[in-house]
N, C-alpha and C. Protein backbone atom coordinates (compact mmCIF):
# COMPACT_ATOMS: atom_id res chain seq x y z
N MET A 1 67.97 32.20 58.27
CA MET A 1 66.65 31.79 58.75
C MET A 1 66.16 30.64 57.87
N LEU A 2 65.72 29.59 58.45
CA LEU A 2 65.26 28.39 57.74
C LEU A 2 63.74 28.42 57.57
N VAL A 3 63.27 28.03 56.35
CA VAL A 3 61.82 27.98 56.08
C VAL A 3 61.42 26.50 55.85
N ASP A 4 60.44 26.04 56.62
CA ASP A 4 59.98 24.64 56.53
C ASP A 4 58.75 24.58 55.62
N ILE A 5 58.91 23.91 54.48
CA ILE A 5 57.81 23.80 53.51
C ILE A 5 57.36 22.35 53.44
N ASN A 6 56.05 22.10 53.63
CA ASN A 6 55.47 20.74 53.61
C ASN A 6 54.74 20.54 52.29
N LEU A 7 55.22 19.64 51.44
CA LEU A 7 54.63 19.40 50.11
C LEU A 7 53.69 18.18 50.08
N LEU A 8 53.53 17.48 51.16
CA LEU A 8 52.70 16.26 51.17
C LEU A 8 51.23 16.58 50.95
N GLN A 9 50.71 17.59 51.52
CA GLN A 9 49.30 17.93 51.37
C GLN A 9 48.98 18.33 49.93
N VAL A 10 49.89 18.98 49.27
CA VAL A 10 49.67 19.35 47.86
C VAL A 10 49.51 18.12 47.00
N LYS A 11 50.32 17.06 47.28
CA LYS A 11 50.22 15.81 46.52
C LYS A 11 48.86 15.17 46.72
N GLU A 12 48.43 15.18 48.00
CA GLU A 12 47.14 14.56 48.28
C GLU A 12 46.02 15.32 47.59
N LYS A 13 46.11 16.65 47.57
CA LYS A 13 45.08 17.45 46.91
C LYS A 13 45.06 17.18 45.42
N ARG A 14 46.20 16.94 44.82
CA ARG A 14 46.26 16.69 43.37
C ARG A 14 45.73 15.29 43.02
N GLN A 15 45.88 14.32 43.95
CA GLN A 15 45.47 12.93 43.66
C GLN A 15 43.96 12.73 43.81
N ARG A 16 43.28 13.55 44.55
CA ARG A 16 41.84 13.36 44.78
C ARG A 16 41.00 13.47 43.49
N PRO A 17 41.19 14.51 42.67
CA PRO A 17 40.38 14.56 41.43
C PRO A 17 40.60 13.35 40.53
N LEU A 18 41.81 12.89 40.44
CA LEU A 18 42.10 11.71 39.61
C LEU A 18 41.39 10.48 40.14
N LEU A 19 41.37 10.35 41.46
CA LEU A 19 40.70 9.22 42.08
C LEU A 19 39.20 9.27 41.82
N ILE A 20 38.64 10.48 41.91
CA ILE A 20 37.21 10.64 41.68
C ILE A 20 36.85 10.28 40.23
N VAL A 21 37.71 10.73 39.30
CA VAL A 21 37.47 10.41 37.89
C VAL A 21 37.51 8.91 37.67
N LEU A 22 38.49 8.24 38.28
CA LEU A 22 38.60 6.78 38.13
C LEU A 22 37.38 6.07 38.72
N LEU A 23 36.93 6.58 39.88
CA LEU A 23 35.76 5.97 40.49
C LEU A 23 34.52 6.16 39.62
N CYS A 24 34.39 7.35 39.02
CA CYS A 24 33.25 7.60 38.12
C CYS A 24 33.28 6.68 36.90
N ILE A 25 34.50 6.51 36.37
CA ILE A 25 34.64 5.62 35.21
C ILE A 25 34.27 4.18 35.59
N ALA A 26 34.75 3.77 36.76
CA ALA A 26 34.44 2.41 37.22
C ALA A 26 32.95 2.24 37.45
N LEU A 27 32.32 3.27 38.03
CA LEU A 27 30.88 3.20 38.27
C LEU A 27 30.10 3.15 36.96
N LEU A 28 30.53 3.97 36.00
CA LEU A 28 29.87 3.94 34.69
C LEU A 28 30.04 2.58 34.02
N PHE A 29 31.20 2.01 34.16
CA PHE A 29 31.46 0.69 33.57
C PHE A 29 30.54 -0.36 34.19
N VAL A 30 30.42 -0.28 35.53
CA VAL A 30 29.55 -1.23 36.24
C VAL A 30 28.10 -1.05 35.79
N ILE A 31 27.67 0.22 35.72
CA ILE A 31 26.29 0.49 35.29
C ILE A 31 26.06 -0.01 33.86
N PHE A 32 27.01 0.26 32.98
CA PHE A 32 26.91 -0.18 31.59
C PHE A 32 26.85 -1.70 31.51
N THR A 33 27.69 -2.36 32.32
CA THR A 33 27.71 -3.83 32.32
C THR A 33 26.39 -4.39 32.81
N VAL A 34 25.85 -3.80 33.86
CA VAL A 34 24.57 -4.27 34.41
C VAL A 34 23.45 -4.07 33.39
N LEU A 35 23.43 -2.90 32.76
CA LEU A 35 22.41 -2.63 31.75
C LEU A 35 22.54 -3.58 30.57
N LEU A 36 23.78 -3.87 30.18
CA LEU A 36 24.02 -4.80 29.08
C LEU A 36 23.51 -6.20 29.42
N LEU A 37 23.79 -6.64 30.65
CA LEU A 37 23.32 -7.96 31.08
C LEU A 37 21.80 -8.02 31.12
N ILE A 38 21.19 -6.93 31.62
CA ILE A 38 19.72 -6.89 31.67
C ILE A 38 19.14 -6.97 30.26
N ASN A 39 19.74 -6.22 29.33
CA ASN A 39 19.27 -6.21 27.94
C ASN A 39 19.43 -7.59 27.31
N VAL A 40 20.56 -8.23 27.61
CA VAL A 40 20.80 -9.58 27.07
C VAL A 40 19.75 -10.55 27.59
N GLN A 41 19.42 -10.46 28.87
CA GLN A 41 18.41 -11.33 29.46
C GLN A 41 17.04 -11.10 28.82
N LYS A 42 16.72 -9.83 28.57
CA LYS A 42 15.45 -9.52 27.94
C LYS A 42 15.39 -10.10 26.53
N GLU A 43 16.52 -9.98 25.79
CA GLU A 43 16.55 -10.53 24.43
C GLU A 43 16.38 -12.05 24.45
N LYS A 44 17.01 -12.69 25.44
CA LYS A 44 16.88 -14.15 25.55
C LYS A 44 15.44 -14.54 25.82
N LYS A 45 14.78 -13.82 26.74
CA LYS A 45 13.39 -14.11 27.06
C LYS A 45 12.49 -13.87 25.84
N HIS A 46 12.78 -12.77 25.12
CA HIS A 46 11.99 -12.45 23.94
C HIS A 46 12.15 -13.52 22.86
N ASN A 47 13.39 -13.94 22.63
CA ASN A 47 13.65 -15.00 21.64
C ASN A 47 13.00 -16.30 22.05
N LEU A 48 13.03 -16.62 23.34
CA LEU A 48 12.41 -17.85 23.82
C LEU A 48 10.89 -17.79 23.62
N ALA A 49 10.31 -16.62 23.89
CA ALA A 49 8.86 -16.46 23.69
C ALA A 49 8.51 -16.60 22.21
N LEU A 50 9.34 -16.01 21.34
CA LEU A 50 9.10 -16.14 19.90
C LEU A 50 9.20 -17.59 19.44
N THR A 51 10.19 -18.30 19.95
CA THR A 51 10.37 -19.71 19.59
C THR A 51 9.16 -20.53 20.02
N ASN A 52 8.69 -20.30 21.24
CA ASN A 52 7.50 -21.02 21.72
C ASN A 52 6.27 -20.69 20.88
N GLU A 53 6.14 -19.42 20.51
CA GLU A 53 4.99 -19.00 19.70
C GLU A 53 5.04 -19.64 18.32
N ILE A 54 6.26 -19.70 17.74
CA ILE A 54 6.41 -20.32 16.41
C ILE A 54 6.06 -21.81 16.48
N GLN A 55 6.50 -22.48 17.55
CA GLN A 55 6.19 -23.90 17.70
C GLN A 55 4.68 -24.12 17.85
N GLU A 56 4.05 -23.24 18.62
CA GLU A 56 2.60 -23.36 18.82
C GLU A 56 1.85 -23.13 17.52
N ILE A 57 2.28 -22.13 16.75
CA ILE A 57 1.65 -21.86 15.45
C ILE A 57 1.85 -23.04 14.50
N SER A 58 3.06 -23.62 14.53
CA SER A 58 3.34 -24.78 13.67
C SER A 58 2.42 -25.94 14.01
N LEU A 59 2.20 -26.17 15.30
CA LEU A 59 1.30 -27.24 15.72
C LEU A 59 -0.14 -26.96 15.25
N GLN A 60 -0.56 -25.70 15.36
CA GLN A 60 -1.90 -25.33 14.90
C GLN A 60 -2.04 -25.53 13.40
N VAL A 61 -0.98 -25.16 12.65
CA VAL A 61 -1.01 -25.34 11.19
C VAL A 61 -1.10 -26.83 10.84
N GLU A 62 -0.35 -27.67 11.54
CA GLU A 62 -0.40 -29.11 11.29
C GLU A 62 -1.80 -29.66 11.57
N GLU A 63 -2.40 -29.20 12.68
CA GLU A 63 -3.75 -29.66 13.00
C GLU A 63 -4.75 -29.23 11.93
N LYS A 64 -4.62 -27.96 11.47
CA LYS A 64 -5.52 -27.48 10.42
C LYS A 64 -5.34 -28.28 9.13
N GLU A 65 -4.08 -28.60 8.79
CA GLU A 65 -3.82 -29.37 7.58
C GLU A 65 -4.43 -30.76 7.68
N LYS A 66 -4.32 -31.38 8.87
CA LYS A 66 -4.92 -32.69 9.06
C LYS A 66 -6.43 -32.62 8.90
N MET A 67 -7.04 -31.58 9.51
CA MET A 67 -8.49 -31.42 9.39
C MET A 67 -8.89 -31.20 7.95
N LEU A 68 -8.09 -30.39 7.22
CA LEU A 68 -8.39 -30.12 5.81
C LEU A 68 -8.28 -31.39 4.98
N ASP A 69 -7.22 -32.19 5.25
CA ASP A 69 -7.05 -33.45 4.53
C ASP A 69 -8.23 -34.38 4.78
N GLU A 70 -8.68 -34.43 6.04
CA GLU A 70 -9.81 -35.30 6.37
C GLU A 70 -11.08 -34.83 5.67
N LEU A 71 -11.28 -33.48 5.64
CA LEU A 71 -12.45 -32.95 4.96
C LEU A 71 -12.40 -33.22 3.46
N GLN A 72 -11.19 -33.03 2.86
CA GLN A 72 -11.05 -33.28 1.44
C GLN A 72 -11.26 -34.76 1.11
N TYR A 73 -10.73 -35.63 1.98
CA TYR A 73 -10.92 -37.06 1.76
C TYR A 73 -12.39 -37.44 1.85
N GLY A 74 -13.07 -36.86 2.87
CA GLY A 74 -14.49 -37.13 3.02
C GLY A 74 -15.28 -36.59 1.85
N SER A 75 -14.90 -35.38 1.38
CA SER A 75 -15.59 -34.78 0.24
C SER A 75 -15.34 -35.59 -1.02
N SER A 76 -14.08 -36.06 -1.22
CA SER A 76 -13.76 -36.87 -2.40
C SER A 76 -14.53 -38.17 -2.38
N ALA A 77 -14.60 -38.80 -1.19
CA ALA A 77 -15.34 -40.05 -1.08
C ALA A 77 -16.82 -39.84 -1.38
N ALA A 78 -17.37 -38.74 -0.84
CA ALA A 78 -18.78 -38.44 -1.09
C ALA A 78 -19.02 -38.15 -2.56
N SER A 79 -18.09 -37.39 -3.18
CA SER A 79 -18.22 -37.08 -4.61
C SER A 79 -18.15 -38.34 -5.46
N LEU A 80 -17.23 -39.23 -5.08
CA LEU A 80 -17.08 -40.48 -5.82
C LEU A 80 -18.34 -41.33 -5.69
N GLU A 81 -18.88 -41.41 -4.48
CA GLU A 81 -20.10 -42.18 -4.27
C GLU A 81 -21.26 -41.58 -5.05
N SER A 82 -21.34 -40.24 -5.06
CA SER A 82 -22.39 -39.57 -5.81
C SER A 82 -22.24 -39.83 -7.31
N ALA A 83 -20.98 -39.81 -7.79
CA ALA A 83 -20.74 -40.05 -9.22
C ALA A 83 -21.13 -41.48 -9.60
N VAL A 84 -20.83 -42.44 -8.73
CA VAL A 84 -21.19 -43.84 -9.01
C VAL A 84 -22.70 -43.99 -9.06
N THR A 85 -23.38 -43.36 -8.09
CA THR A 85 -24.84 -43.42 -8.06
C THR A 85 -25.44 -42.80 -9.31
N TRP A 86 -24.88 -41.62 -9.70
CA TRP A 86 -25.37 -40.95 -10.91
C TRP A 86 -25.14 -41.82 -12.14
N ALA A 87 -23.98 -42.47 -12.21
CA ALA A 87 -23.68 -43.31 -13.37
C ALA A 87 -24.65 -44.48 -13.47
N LYS A 88 -24.98 -45.08 -12.30
CA LYS A 88 -25.93 -46.19 -12.31
C LYS A 88 -27.30 -45.72 -12.76
N ASP A 89 -27.75 -44.60 -12.19
CA ASP A 89 -29.06 -44.07 -12.58
C ASP A 89 -29.08 -43.68 -14.05
N GLU A 90 -27.97 -43.07 -14.51
CA GLU A 90 -27.90 -42.62 -15.89
C GLU A 90 -27.93 -43.81 -16.84
N GLN A 91 -27.27 -44.90 -16.42
CA GLN A 91 -27.27 -46.10 -17.26
C GLN A 91 -28.69 -46.67 -17.38
N LEU A 92 -29.43 -46.67 -16.25
CA LEU A 92 -30.79 -47.17 -16.28
C LEU A 92 -31.67 -46.30 -17.18
N GLU A 93 -31.43 -44.97 -17.19
CA GLU A 93 -32.21 -44.08 -18.03
C GLU A 93 -31.80 -44.18 -19.50
N THR A 94 -30.51 -44.41 -19.74
CA THR A 94 -29.99 -44.40 -21.11
C THR A 94 -30.49 -45.59 -21.92
N VAL A 95 -30.59 -46.74 -21.32
CA VAL A 95 -30.96 -47.95 -22.05
C VAL A 95 -32.33 -47.83 -22.72
N PRO A 96 -33.39 -47.44 -21.99
CA PRO A 96 -34.69 -47.32 -22.68
C PRO A 96 -34.72 -46.20 -23.71
N ILE A 97 -34.01 -45.10 -23.47
CA ILE A 97 -33.95 -44.03 -24.47
C ILE A 97 -33.28 -44.54 -25.74
N LEU A 98 -32.19 -45.25 -25.55
CA LEU A 98 -31.46 -45.79 -26.70
C LEU A 98 -32.34 -46.77 -27.48
N GLU A 99 -33.11 -47.57 -26.77
CA GLU A 99 -34.00 -48.53 -27.43
C GLU A 99 -35.04 -47.82 -28.28
N GLN A 100 -35.58 -46.71 -27.75
CA GLN A 100 -36.59 -45.96 -28.51
C GLN A 100 -35.99 -45.29 -29.73
N LEU A 101 -34.77 -44.78 -29.59
CA LEU A 101 -34.11 -44.14 -30.73
C LEU A 101 -33.83 -45.16 -31.84
N ILE A 102 -33.50 -46.37 -31.46
CA ILE A 102 -33.25 -47.42 -32.45
C ILE A 102 -34.55 -47.82 -33.14
N LYS A 103 -35.66 -47.85 -32.38
CA LYS A 103 -36.95 -48.21 -32.97
C LYS A 103 -37.38 -47.22 -34.05
N LEU A 104 -36.99 -45.96 -33.91
CA LEU A 104 -37.36 -44.94 -34.88
C LEU A 104 -36.54 -45.02 -36.17
N LEU A 105 -35.47 -45.79 -36.18
CA LEU A 105 -34.60 -45.88 -37.36
C LEU A 105 -35.31 -46.59 -38.51
N PRO A 106 -35.00 -46.21 -39.74
CA PRO A 106 -35.51 -46.97 -40.88
C PRO A 106 -34.82 -48.33 -40.95
N GLU A 107 -35.27 -49.16 -41.88
CA GLU A 107 -34.77 -50.54 -41.93
C GLU A 107 -33.26 -50.60 -42.13
N ARG A 108 -32.74 -49.72 -43.01
CA ARG A 108 -31.30 -49.73 -43.29
C ARG A 108 -30.58 -48.60 -42.55
N GLY A 109 -31.02 -48.31 -41.35
CA GLY A 109 -30.35 -47.31 -40.51
C GLY A 109 -29.62 -47.99 -39.36
N PHE A 110 -28.38 -47.57 -39.11
CA PHE A 110 -27.56 -48.20 -38.07
C PHE A 110 -26.93 -47.12 -37.18
N LEU A 111 -27.12 -47.29 -35.89
CA LEU A 111 -26.55 -46.34 -34.93
C LEU A 111 -25.08 -46.67 -34.71
N LYS A 112 -24.19 -45.70 -34.97
CA LYS A 112 -22.76 -45.94 -34.83
C LYS A 112 -22.19 -45.39 -33.53
N GLU A 113 -22.59 -44.15 -33.17
CA GLU A 113 -22.08 -43.52 -31.96
C GLU A 113 -23.22 -42.85 -31.21
N TYR A 114 -23.06 -42.81 -29.88
CA TYR A 114 -24.12 -42.26 -29.03
C TYR A 114 -23.46 -41.70 -27.77
N THR A 115 -23.49 -40.37 -27.62
CA THR A 115 -22.83 -39.75 -26.47
C THR A 115 -23.71 -38.66 -25.88
N TYR A 116 -23.56 -38.46 -24.57
CA TYR A 116 -24.23 -37.36 -23.87
C TYR A 116 -23.28 -36.17 -23.80
N GLU A 117 -23.70 -35.03 -24.37
CA GLU A 117 -22.93 -33.80 -24.21
C GLU A 117 -23.23 -33.18 -22.86
N THR A 118 -24.50 -33.12 -22.48
CA THR A 118 -24.94 -32.71 -21.16
C THR A 118 -25.94 -33.75 -20.68
N GLN A 119 -26.57 -33.47 -19.55
CA GLN A 119 -27.49 -34.45 -18.98
C GLN A 119 -28.68 -34.72 -19.89
N ASN A 120 -29.10 -33.70 -20.66
CA ASN A 120 -30.29 -33.85 -21.50
C ASN A 120 -30.00 -33.69 -22.99
N ASN A 121 -28.74 -33.59 -23.36
CA ASN A 121 -28.38 -33.41 -24.78
C ASN A 121 -27.59 -34.62 -25.28
N ILE A 122 -28.03 -35.12 -26.40
CA ILE A 122 -27.41 -36.32 -26.99
C ILE A 122 -26.90 -35.99 -28.39
N VAL A 123 -25.70 -36.46 -28.69
CA VAL A 123 -25.15 -36.38 -30.04
C VAL A 123 -24.94 -37.82 -30.53
N MET A 124 -25.49 -38.12 -31.69
CA MET A 124 -25.34 -39.50 -32.20
C MET A 124 -25.05 -39.48 -33.69
N THR A 125 -24.31 -40.48 -34.08
CA THR A 125 -23.95 -40.67 -35.50
C THR A 125 -24.68 -41.91 -36.02
N VAL A 126 -25.40 -41.73 -37.13
CA VAL A 126 -26.20 -42.82 -37.69
C VAL A 126 -25.81 -43.02 -39.15
N GLN A 127 -25.82 -44.27 -39.58
CA GLN A 127 -25.43 -44.62 -40.95
C GLN A 127 -26.66 -45.06 -41.75
N PHE A 128 -26.78 -44.52 -42.98
CA PHE A 128 -27.92 -44.82 -43.85
C PHE A 128 -27.42 -45.21 -45.24
N ASP A 129 -28.34 -45.84 -46.02
CA ASP A 129 -28.04 -46.14 -47.42
C ASP A 129 -28.22 -44.91 -48.30
N THR A 130 -29.21 -44.07 -47.96
CA THR A 130 -29.50 -42.89 -48.78
C THR A 130 -29.68 -41.67 -47.89
N SER A 131 -29.55 -40.50 -48.49
CA SER A 131 -29.76 -39.26 -47.75
C SER A 131 -31.23 -39.06 -47.38
N ARG A 132 -32.13 -39.65 -48.18
CA ARG A 132 -33.56 -39.54 -47.88
C ARG A 132 -33.88 -40.25 -46.56
N GLN A 133 -33.19 -41.34 -46.29
CA GLN A 133 -33.40 -42.03 -45.02
C GLN A 133 -32.97 -41.16 -43.84
N ALA A 134 -31.91 -40.38 -44.04
CA ALA A 134 -31.46 -39.47 -42.98
C ALA A 134 -32.51 -38.40 -42.72
N ALA A 135 -33.13 -37.89 -43.79
CA ALA A 135 -34.19 -36.90 -43.64
C ALA A 135 -35.43 -37.52 -42.98
N TYR A 136 -35.75 -38.75 -43.35
CA TYR A 136 -36.89 -39.45 -42.76
C TYR A 136 -36.68 -39.63 -41.25
N TYR A 137 -35.47 -40.00 -40.86
CA TYR A 137 -35.18 -40.22 -39.44
C TYR A 137 -35.29 -38.92 -38.65
N LEU A 138 -34.85 -37.82 -39.25
CA LEU A 138 -34.98 -36.51 -38.60
C LEU A 138 -36.46 -36.19 -38.37
N HIS A 139 -37.28 -36.52 -39.37
CA HIS A 139 -38.72 -36.29 -39.23
C HIS A 139 -39.30 -37.10 -38.07
N GLU A 140 -38.88 -38.36 -37.96
CA GLU A 140 -39.37 -39.22 -36.87
C GLU A 140 -38.91 -38.68 -35.51
N LEU A 141 -37.69 -38.20 -35.44
CA LEU A 141 -37.19 -37.65 -34.18
C LEU A 141 -37.96 -36.40 -33.78
N THR A 142 -38.25 -35.57 -34.76
CA THR A 142 -38.97 -34.32 -34.47
C THR A 142 -40.37 -34.59 -33.96
N ASN A 143 -41.01 -35.66 -34.44
CA ASN A 143 -42.38 -35.99 -34.04
C ASN A 143 -42.45 -36.68 -32.68
N ALA A 144 -41.33 -37.12 -32.15
CA ALA A 144 -41.35 -37.77 -30.83
C ALA A 144 -41.63 -36.72 -29.75
N VAL A 145 -42.64 -36.96 -28.91
CA VAL A 145 -43.07 -35.95 -27.93
C VAL A 145 -42.01 -35.73 -26.84
N TRP A 146 -41.18 -36.70 -26.58
CA TRP A 146 -40.18 -36.58 -25.51
C TRP A 146 -38.87 -35.98 -26.00
N ILE A 147 -38.77 -35.69 -27.30
CA ILE A 147 -37.61 -34.99 -27.86
C ILE A 147 -38.01 -33.54 -28.09
N THR A 148 -37.46 -32.64 -27.29
CA THR A 148 -37.84 -31.22 -27.39
C THR A 148 -37.23 -30.54 -28.59
N GLU A 149 -36.09 -31.02 -29.07
CA GLU A 149 -35.44 -30.42 -30.23
C GLU A 149 -34.55 -31.46 -30.91
N ALA A 150 -34.61 -31.50 -32.21
CA ALA A 150 -33.78 -32.42 -33.00
C ALA A 150 -33.26 -31.68 -34.22
N SER A 151 -31.97 -31.82 -34.46
CA SER A 151 -31.37 -31.15 -35.62
C SER A 151 -30.35 -32.05 -36.26
N LEU A 152 -30.22 -31.91 -37.58
CA LEU A 152 -29.22 -32.66 -38.35
C LEU A 152 -27.99 -31.76 -38.51
N GLN A 153 -26.94 -32.09 -37.78
CA GLN A 153 -25.73 -31.25 -37.81
C GLN A 153 -24.99 -31.38 -39.13
N SER A 154 -24.84 -32.61 -39.61
CA SER A 154 -24.10 -32.82 -40.87
C SER A 154 -24.44 -34.17 -41.44
N ILE A 155 -24.20 -34.30 -42.72
CA ILE A 155 -24.35 -35.58 -43.41
C ILE A 155 -23.25 -35.68 -44.45
N LYS A 156 -22.58 -36.81 -44.49
CA LYS A 156 -21.45 -36.96 -45.40
C LYS A 156 -21.33 -38.41 -45.84
N VAL A 157 -20.56 -38.58 -46.91
CA VAL A 157 -20.25 -39.92 -47.41
C VAL A 157 -18.81 -40.23 -47.03
N PRO A 158 -18.55 -41.28 -46.27
CA PRO A 158 -17.17 -41.62 -45.90
C PRO A 158 -16.32 -41.90 -47.13
N GLU A 159 -15.02 -41.77 -46.99
CA GLU A 159 -14.11 -41.99 -48.12
C GLU A 159 -14.17 -43.44 -48.61
N GLU A 160 -14.33 -44.36 -47.66
CA GLU A 160 -14.39 -45.77 -48.04
C GLU A 160 -15.85 -46.19 -48.16
N ALA A 161 -16.27 -46.60 -49.33
CA ALA A 161 -17.63 -47.09 -49.52
C ALA A 161 -17.74 -48.50 -48.98
N GLU A 162 -18.95 -48.91 -48.69
CA GLU A 162 -19.19 -50.23 -48.09
C GLU A 162 -19.75 -51.19 -49.13
N GLU A 163 -19.28 -52.40 -49.08
CA GLU A 163 -19.78 -53.42 -50.00
C GLU A 163 -21.06 -54.01 -49.43
N VAL A 164 -22.15 -53.91 -50.16
CA VAL A 164 -23.45 -54.37 -49.70
C VAL A 164 -23.93 -55.51 -50.60
N VAL A 165 -24.44 -56.59 -50.02
CA VAL A 165 -24.96 -57.74 -50.77
C VAL A 165 -26.44 -57.51 -51.03
N VAL A 166 -26.85 -57.48 -52.31
CA VAL A 166 -28.24 -57.24 -52.67
C VAL A 166 -28.69 -58.33 -53.65
N ALA A 167 -30.01 -58.54 -53.71
CA ALA A 167 -30.57 -59.53 -54.64
C ALA A 167 -30.82 -58.89 -56.00
N ASN A 168 -30.54 -59.63 -57.06
CA ASN A 168 -30.75 -59.14 -58.42
C ASN A 168 -32.23 -59.26 -58.77
N ASP A 169 -32.79 -58.23 -59.41
CA ASP A 169 -34.20 -58.25 -59.75
C ASP A 169 -34.53 -59.24 -60.87
N THR A 170 -33.59 -59.49 -61.79
CA THR A 170 -33.88 -60.32 -62.97
C THR A 170 -33.80 -61.80 -62.67
N ASP A 171 -32.99 -62.18 -61.74
CA ASP A 171 -32.89 -63.59 -61.41
C ASP A 171 -32.68 -63.73 -59.91
N GLU A 172 -32.46 -64.93 -59.48
CA GLU A 172 -32.32 -65.20 -58.06
C GLU A 172 -30.87 -65.13 -57.61
N ASP A 173 -29.97 -64.76 -58.51
CA ASP A 173 -28.56 -64.67 -58.12
C ASP A 173 -28.37 -63.51 -57.16
N VAL A 174 -27.37 -63.61 -56.32
CA VAL A 174 -27.04 -62.57 -55.35
C VAL A 174 -25.77 -61.89 -55.82
N ALA A 175 -25.78 -60.60 -55.90
CA ALA A 175 -24.62 -59.85 -56.37
C ALA A 175 -24.13 -58.91 -55.29
N SER A 176 -22.84 -58.60 -55.33
CA SER A 176 -22.23 -57.65 -54.39
C SER A 176 -22.01 -56.33 -55.09
N LEU A 177 -22.56 -55.28 -54.54
CA LEU A 177 -22.43 -53.96 -55.12
C LEU A 177 -21.72 -53.03 -54.13
N ILE A 178 -20.96 -52.10 -54.68
CA ILE A 178 -20.31 -51.08 -53.87
C ILE A 178 -21.23 -49.87 -53.79
N LEU A 179 -21.86 -49.67 -52.64
CA LEU A 179 -22.80 -48.57 -52.47
C LEU A 179 -22.25 -47.57 -51.46
N PRO A 180 -22.54 -46.29 -51.66
CA PRO A 180 -22.12 -45.29 -50.67
C PRO A 180 -22.95 -45.41 -49.39
N ARG A 181 -22.33 -45.13 -48.27
CA ARG A 181 -23.04 -45.14 -47.00
C ARG A 181 -22.97 -43.73 -46.43
N TYR A 182 -24.12 -43.18 -46.08
CA TYR A 182 -24.20 -41.82 -45.56
C TYR A 182 -24.13 -41.85 -44.03
N GLU A 183 -23.30 -40.98 -43.51
CA GLU A 183 -23.20 -40.83 -42.06
C GLU A 183 -23.80 -39.49 -41.67
N ALA A 184 -24.81 -39.52 -40.82
CA ALA A 184 -25.50 -38.31 -40.37
C ALA A 184 -25.28 -38.13 -38.87
N ILE A 185 -25.02 -36.89 -38.49
CA ILE A 185 -24.83 -36.56 -37.08
C ILE A 185 -26.02 -35.74 -36.60
N TYR A 186 -26.69 -36.23 -35.55
CA TYR A 186 -27.88 -35.57 -35.00
C TYR A 186 -27.58 -35.04 -33.60
N ASN A 187 -28.23 -33.91 -33.31
CA ASN A 187 -28.16 -33.33 -31.97
C ASN A 187 -29.57 -33.32 -31.40
N LEU A 188 -29.75 -33.95 -30.24
CA LEU A 188 -31.08 -34.10 -29.64
C LEU A 188 -31.12 -33.49 -28.25
N SER A 189 -32.26 -32.88 -27.94
CA SER A 189 -32.54 -32.42 -26.57
C SER A 189 -33.67 -33.28 -26.04
N ILE A 190 -33.41 -33.95 -24.90
CA ILE A 190 -34.36 -34.93 -24.36
C ILE A 190 -35.08 -34.35 -23.15
N ASN A 191 -36.39 -34.55 -23.10
CA ASN A 191 -37.18 -34.26 -21.90
C ASN A 191 -37.41 -35.59 -21.20
N LYS A 192 -36.62 -35.86 -20.18
CA LYS A 192 -36.66 -37.17 -19.53
C LYS A 192 -37.97 -37.39 -18.79
N ALA A 193 -38.57 -36.33 -18.29
CA ALA A 193 -39.85 -36.47 -17.59
C ALA A 193 -40.94 -36.94 -18.55
N LYS A 194 -41.00 -36.33 -19.74
CA LYS A 194 -41.98 -36.76 -20.74
C LYS A 194 -41.69 -38.17 -21.22
N PHE A 195 -40.41 -38.48 -21.38
CA PHE A 195 -40.06 -39.83 -21.81
C PHE A 195 -40.52 -40.86 -20.79
N GLN A 196 -40.32 -40.55 -19.51
CA GLN A 196 -40.70 -41.49 -18.46
C GLN A 196 -42.21 -41.67 -18.42
N ARG A 197 -42.96 -40.57 -18.62
CA ARG A 197 -44.42 -40.68 -18.63
C ARG A 197 -44.89 -41.56 -19.79
N GLU A 198 -44.25 -41.37 -20.96
CA GLU A 198 -44.62 -42.18 -22.11
C GLU A 198 -44.29 -43.65 -21.88
N GLU A 199 -43.14 -43.91 -21.23
CA GLU A 199 -42.76 -45.28 -20.92
C GLU A 199 -43.76 -45.91 -19.94
N ASP A 200 -44.19 -45.12 -18.95
CA ASP A 200 -45.16 -45.62 -17.97
C ASP A 200 -46.49 -45.93 -18.65
N GLU A 201 -46.90 -45.06 -19.57
CA GLU A 201 -48.16 -45.30 -20.29
C GLU A 201 -48.06 -46.58 -21.14
N ILE A 202 -46.91 -46.77 -21.78
CA ILE A 202 -46.72 -47.97 -22.59
C ILE A 202 -46.79 -49.22 -21.73
N GLN A 203 -46.12 -49.17 -20.58
CA GLN A 203 -46.12 -50.33 -19.68
C GLN A 203 -47.52 -50.59 -19.11
N THR A 204 -48.21 -49.49 -18.78
CA THR A 204 -49.58 -49.64 -18.25
C THR A 204 -50.49 -50.25 -19.29
N GLY A 205 -50.35 -49.77 -20.53
CA GLY A 205 -51.18 -50.32 -21.62
C GLY A 205 -50.85 -51.76 -21.90
N GLY A 206 -49.56 -52.12 -21.79
CA GLY A 206 -49.15 -53.50 -22.03
C GLY A 206 -49.66 -54.43 -20.94
N ASP A 207 -49.68 -53.94 -19.69
CA ASP A 207 -50.15 -54.77 -18.58
C ASP A 207 -51.65 -55.00 -18.65
N SER A 208 -52.40 -53.96 -19.15
CA SER A 208 -53.84 -54.12 -19.22
C SER A 208 -54.23 -54.99 -20.43
């Protein structure tokens, strides 16, 4: 007795699961590829947006720097103009003050240095024949109504004495003597308003 066995259907049944697995793998690959491409596109858009934002910020920074430079230049120019104006005004005020300080000097007193420490404070170095003349000058400065404070910071004899020409008491001959010269440093506080009032009064009295 012959038995007919058909094995073709068994082969087909065995190949179906393998085909399904391959199709799933292919589908997953396609999905992964699509997702990867989408992610890449998003990254490109994000990077492009960042680049544009950086460029925009850079332009804003440049504009701000230009504005700052213009403001600084304008401020520097204004400060320079103000300084020039102040220097001119200060020079006009300094000359009459200096003239009055010289008028208060004794006969053998000489002004060597004259500087402003602040707007109303003056430091000056004066040379005298004797220390008594330095004390006399301090007294004159203290009595000036437009000087609010006067002090003698120091008095010294320089290392090099000065040769002074003096007349001899016994005859008419002129002799050269080596006499010490005293250098005194004074610190003054000036009231410019009072000084100006006194100057105005002097000018008014002179005109009348």
